[in-house]
C-alpha atoms as a PDB file:
ATOM      1  CA  MET A   1      68.695  69.619  -8.881  1.00  0.00           C
ATOM      2  CA  THR A   2      72.467  69.761  -8.506  1.00  0.00           C
ATOM      3  CA  LEU A   3      74.784  67.753 -10.710  1.00  0.00           C
ATOM      4  CA  PHE A   4      75.635  65.565  -7.697  1.00  0.00           C
ATOM      5  CA  ASP A   5      71.941  64.715  -7.242  1.00  0.00           C
ATOM      6  CA  GLN A   6      71.541  64.150 -10.984  1.00  0.00           C
ATOM      7  CA  ILE A   7      74.401  61.619 -10.974  1.00  0.00           C
ATOM      8  CA  SER A   8      72.808  59.804  -8.015  1.00  0.00           C
ATOM      9  CA  GLU A   9      69.476  59.578  -9.860  1.00  0.00           C
ATOM     10  CA  ASP A  10      71.182  58.409 -13.041  1.00  0.00           C
ATOM     11  CA  ILE A  11      72.967  55.648 -11.096  1.00  0.00           C
ATOM     12  CA  LYS A  12      69.554  54.279 -10.110  1.00  0.00           C
ATOM     13  CA  ALA A  13      68.339  54.481 -13.716  1.00  0.00           C
ATOM     14  CA  ALA A  14      71.480  52.713 -14.982  1.00  0.00           C
ATOM     15  CA  MET A  15      70.964  49.953 -12.416  1.00  0.00           C
ATOM     16  CA  LYS A  16      67.382  49.434 -13.563  1.00  0.00           C
ATOM     17  CA  ALA A  17      68.468  49.443 -17.215  1.00  0.00           C
ATOM     18  CA  ARG A  18      71.363  47.062 -16.440  1.00  0.00           C
ATOM     19  CA  ASP A  19      73.725  49.388 -18.312  1.00  0.00           C
ATOM     20  CA  LYS A  20      77.104  48.281 -16.938  1.00  0.00           C
ATOM     21  CA  VAL A  21      79.286  50.862 -18.696  1.00  0.00           C
ATOM     22  CA  ARG A  22      77.087  53.785 -17.646  1.00  0.00           C
ATOM     23  CA  LEU A  23      76.733  52.441 -14.108  1.00  0.00           C
ATOM     24  CA  GLU A  24      80.484  51.949 -13.653  1.00  0.00           C
ATOM     25  CA  THR A  25      81.216  55.424 -15.037  1.00  0.00           C
ATOM     26  CA  LEU A  26      78.571  57.131 -12.866  1.00  0.00           C
ATOM     27  CA  ARG A  27      79.796  55.343  -9.745  1.00  0.00           C
ATOM     28  CA  ASN A  28      83.317  56.543 -10.491  1.00  0.00           C
ATOM     29  CA  ILE A  29      82.051  60.115 -10.905  1.00  0.00           C
ATOM     30  CA  LYS A  30      80.167  59.928  -7.616  1.00  0.00           C
ATOM     31  CA  LYS A  31      83.264  58.550  -5.848  1.00  0.00           C
ATOM     32  CA  VAL A  32      85.356  61.479  -7.076  1.00  0.00           C
ATOM     33  CA  PHE A  33      82.574  63.916  -6.131  1.00  0.00           C
ATOM     34  CA  LEU A  34      82.454  62.503  -2.598  1.00  0.00           C
ATOM     35  CA  GLU A  35      86.239  62.762  -2.308  1.00  0.00           C
ATOM     36  CA  ALA A  36      86.023  66.415  -3.391  1.00  0.00           C
ATOM     37  CA  LYS A  37      83.196  67.126  -0.920  1.00  0.00           C
ATOM     38  CA  THR A  38      85.129  65.651   1.996  1.00  0.00           C
ATOM     39  CA  ALA A  39      88.464  67.246   1.107  1.00  0.00           C
ATOM     40  CA  PRO A  40      89.874  69.660   3.685  1.00  0.00           C
ATOM     41  CA  GLY A  41      88.339  73.113   3.225  1.00  0.00           C
ATOM     42  CA  ALA A  42      85.451  71.904   1.047  1.00  0.00           C
ATOM     43  CA  ASN A  43      82.894  72.349   3.876  1.00  0.00           C
ATOM     44  CA  ASP A  44      81.040  69.251   2.624  1.00  0.00           C
ATOM     45  CA  THR A  45      79.788  71.114  -0.459  1.00  0.00           C
ATOM     46  CA  LEU A  46      80.350  70.743  -4.186  1.00  0.00           C
ATOM     47  CA  ASP A  47      78.867  73.325  -6.514  1.00  0.00           C
ATOM     48  CA  ASP A  48      78.037  72.543 -10.133  1.00  0.00           C
ATOM     49  CA  ALA A  49      80.994  74.523 -11.515  1.00  0.00           C
ATOM     50  CA  ASP A  50      83.455  72.387  -9.544  1.00  0.00           C
ATOM     51  CA  ALA A  51      81.540  69.249 -10.475  1.00  0.00           C
ATOM     52  CA  LEU A  52      81.814  70.131 -14.171  1.00  0.00           C
ATOM     53  CA  LYS A  53      85.563  70.675 -13.782  1.00  0.00           C
ATOM     54  CA  ILE A  54      85.874  67.216 -12.244  1.00  0.00           C
ATOM     55  CA  ILE A  55      83.881  65.571 -15.033  1.00  0.00           C
ATOM     56  CA  SER A  56      85.900  67.453 -17.650  1.00  0.00           C
ATOM     57  CA  LYS A  57      89.138  66.282 -16.051  1.00  0.00           C
ATOM     58  CA  LEU A  58      87.905  62.675 -15.960  1.00  0.00           C
ATOM     59  CA  ALA A  59      86.923  62.854 -19.640  1.00  0.00           C
ATOM     60  CA  LYS A  60      90.322  64.247 -20.598  1.00  0.00           C
ATOM     61  CA  GLN A  61      92.085  61.500 -18.626  1.00  0.00           C
ATOM     62  CA  GLY A  62      89.897  58.894 -20.326  1.00  0.00           C
ATOM     63  CA  LYS A  63      90.811  60.173 -23.794  1.00  0.00           C
ATOM     64  CA  GLU A  64      94.518  60.135 -22.923  1.00  0.00           C
ATOM     65  CA  THR A  65      94.235  56.595 -21.546  1.00  0.00           C
ATOM     66  CA  ALA A  66      92.395  55.435 -24.681  1.00  0.00           C
ATOM     67  CA  ALA A  67      95.151  56.925 -26.853  1.00  0.00           C
ATOM     68  CA  THR A  68      97.767  55.070 -24.802  1.00  0.00           C
ATOM     69  CA  TYR A  69      95.844  51.799 -25.180  1.00  0.00           C
ATOM     70  CA  THR A  70      95.561  52.346 -28.936  1.00  0.00           C
ATOM     71  CA  GLN A  71      99.313  52.948 -29.240  1.00  0.00           C
ATOM     72  CA  ALA A  72      99.931  49.740 -27.287  1.00  0.00           C
ATOM     73  CA  GLY A  73      97.707  47.819 -29.698  1.00  0.00           C
ATOM     74  CA  ARG A  74      94.896  47.193 -27.195  1.00  0.00           C
ATOM     75  CA  GLN A  75      91.901  48.494 -29.095  1.00  0.00           C
ATOM     76  CA  ASP A  76      89.516  46.516 -26.858  1.00  0.00           C
ATOM     77  CA  LEU A  77      90.632  48.502 -23.798  1.00  0.00           C
ATOM     78  CA  ALA A  78      90.614  51.762 -25.775  1.00  0.00           C
ATOM     79  CA  ASP A  79      87.012  51.147 -26.875  1.00  0.00           C
ATOM     80  CA  ALA A  80      85.932  50.496 -23.272  1.00  0.00           C
ATOM     81  CA  GLU A  81      87.620  53.710 -22.134  1.00  0.00           C
ATOM     82  CA  LEU A  82      86.009  55.726 -24.946  1.00  0.00           C
ATOM     83  CA  ALA A  83      82.588  54.342 -24.002  1.00  0.00           C
ATOM     84  CA  GLN A  84      83.101  55.771 -20.514  1.00  0.00           C
ATOM     85  CA  VAL A  85      84.280  59.094 -21.971  1.00  0.00           C
ATOM     86  CA  GLU A  86      81.037  59.257 -23.954  1.00  0.00           C
ATOM     87  CA  VAL A  87      79.035  58.937 -20.724  1.00  0.00           C
ATOM     88  CA  LEU A  88      81.167  61.637 -19.074  1.00  0.00           C
ATOM     89  CA  GLU A  89      80.742  64.024 -22.003  1.00  0.00           C
ATOM     90  CA  SER A  90      76.964  63.702 -21.825  1.00  0.00           C
ATOM     91  CA  TYR A  91      77.142  65.774 -18.609  1.00  0.00           C
ATOM     92  CA  LEU A  92      79.405  68.475 -20.038  1.00  0.00           C
ATOM     93  CA  PRO A  93      78.223  71.592 -21.874  1.00  0.00           C
ATOM     94  CA  LYS A  94      78.581  71.500 -25.667  1.00  0.00           C
ATOM     95  CA  GLN A  95      82.215  72.016 -26.609  1.00  0.00           C
ATOM     96  CA  LEU A  96      83.110  74.984 -28.814  1.00  0.00           C
ATOM     97  CA  SER A  97      84.594  74.341 -32.249  1.00  0.00           C
ATOM     98  CA  GLU A  98      88.013  75.787 -33.123  1.00  0.00           C
ATOM     99  CA  GLY A  99      86.319  78.493 -35.206  1.00  0.00           C
ATOM    100  CA  GLU A 100      84.086  79.495 -32.295  1.00  0.00           C
ATOM    101  CA  ILE A 101      87.073  79.533 -29.940  1.00  0.00           C
ATOM    102  CA  GLU A 102      89.003  81.714 -32.371  1.00  0.00           C
ATOM    103  CA  ASP A 103      86.085  84.179 -32.605  1.00  0.00           C
ATOM    104  CA  GLU A 104      85.895  84.375 -28.779  1.00  0.00           C
ATOM    105  CA  VAL A 105      89.667  84.871 -28.504  1.00  0.00           C
ATOM    106  CA  LYS A 106      89.575  87.682 -31.093  1.00  0.00           C
ATOM    107  CA  LYS A 107      86.903  89.460 -29.037  1.00  0.00           C
ATOM    108  CA  ILE A 108      88.945  89.007 -25.843  1.00  0.00           C
ATOM    109  CA  ILE A 109      92.085  90.344 -27.518  1.00  0.00           C
ATOM    110  CA  ALA A 110      90.107  93.406 -28.648  1.00  0.00           C
ATOM    111  CA  GLU A 111      88.700  93.884 -25.108  1.00  0.00           C
ATOM    112  CA  THR A 112      92.070  93.604 -23.402  1.00  0.00           C
ATOM    113  CA  GLY A 113      93.952  95.573 -26.043  1.00  0.00           C
ATOM    114  CA  ALA A 114      96.670  92.913 -26.214  1.00  0.00           C
ATOM    115  CA  THR A 115      99.011  93.216 -29.183  1.00  0.00           C
ATOM    116  CA  MET A 116     102.116  91.217 -28.255  1.00  0.00           C
ATOM    117  CA  ILE A 117     102.850  87.666 -27.162  1.00  0.00           C
ATOM    118  CA  LYS A 118     104.014  89.130 -23.813  1.00  0.00           C
ATOM    119  CA  GLU A 119     100.371  89.898 -23.026  1.00  0.00           C
ATOM    120  CA  MET A 120      99.271  86.292 -23.538  1.00  0.00           C
ATOM    121  CA  GLY A 121      98.755  85.745 -19.799  1.00  0.00           C
ATOM    122  CA  ARG A 122      96.193  88.511 -19.569  1.00  0.00           C
ATOM    123  CA  VAL A 123      94.280  87.156 -22.585  1.00  0.00           C
ATOM    124  CA  MET A 124      94.425  83.563 -21.301  1.00  0.00           C
ATOM    125  CA  GLY A 125      93.099  84.637 -17.892  1.00  0.00           C
ATOM    126  CA  VAL A 126      89.985  86.158 -19.433  1.00  0.00           C
ATOM    127  CA  ALA A 127      89.594  83.363 -22.009  1.00  0.00           C
ATOM    128  CA  THR A 128      89.729  80.541 -19.475  1.00  0.00           C
ATOM    129  CA  LYS A 129      87.031  82.220 -17.390  1.00  0.00           C
ATOM    130  CA  LYS A 130      84.750  82.926 -20.358  1.00  0.00           C
ATOM    131  CA  MET A 131      85.129  79.489 -21.946  1.00  0.00           C
ATOM    132  CA  ALA A 132      85.435  77.355 -18.800  1.00  0.00           C
ATOM    133  CA  GLY A 133      84.265  73.823 -19.466  1.00  0.00           C
ATOM    134  CA  ARG A 134      83.438  74.591 -23.092  1.00  0.00           C
ATOM    135  CA  ALA A 135      86.944  74.596 -24.587  1.00  0.00           C
ATOM    136  CA  ASP A 136      90.194  72.713 -24.085  1.00  0.00           C
ATOM    137  CA  GLY A 137      92.819  74.996 -22.539  1.00  0.00           C
ATOM    138  CA  ARG A 138      95.518  73.675 -24.863  1.00  0.00           C
ATOM    139  CA  VAL A 139      93.505  74.625 -27.965  1.00  0.00           C
ATOM    140  CA  VAL A 140      92.759  78.085 -26.532  1.00  0.00           C
ATOM    141  CA  SER A 141      96.451  78.586 -25.772  1.00  0.00           C
ATOM    142  CA  GLU A 142      97.504  77.630 -29.316  1.00  0.00           C
ATOM    143  CA  ILE A 143      94.969  80.021 -30.847  1.00  0.00           C
ATOM    144  CA  VAL A 144      96.018  82.886 -28.539  1.00  0.00           C
ATOM    145  CA  LYS A 145      99.692  82.319 -29.443  1.00  0.00           C
ATOM    146  CA  ARG A 146      98.898  82.259 -33.153  1.00  0.00           C
ATOM    147  CA  LEU A 147      96.812  85.439 -33.008  1.00  0.00           C
ATOM    148  CA  LEU A 148      99.310  87.394 -30.909  1.00  0.00           C
ATOM    149  CA  SER A 149     102.374  86.370 -32.945  1.00  0.00           C
END
């Protein structure tokens, strides 16, 4: 079962359970999936890798929005946004800890033979492919910079 089909099934389950937060979040995911499927050049398909990227992006946006609400003193809105982020993250693979990311980056640096900060692009290219969906790009970038400096 594809992730698209899984979301459709989970929408039905959320309706039966009368879970408003989950239902609203899943409907939003499905809307974005449908937009991606019908985009020019998509050939009416959406593979799971692209679907995971979309969910990851939505989760990241939700966290940023919640932070903005918190800074504005609207904790009620921030809590609602974080509840949706929790639903989104349930579909994502387990995120790597900073220690695990650092171990992966050390291996990649050894593989590529990078020794200087100038070679960061080569390391980041391999790292983003190996850790796609499991690590935040910003955290990976900071660790690569620190290790190559």
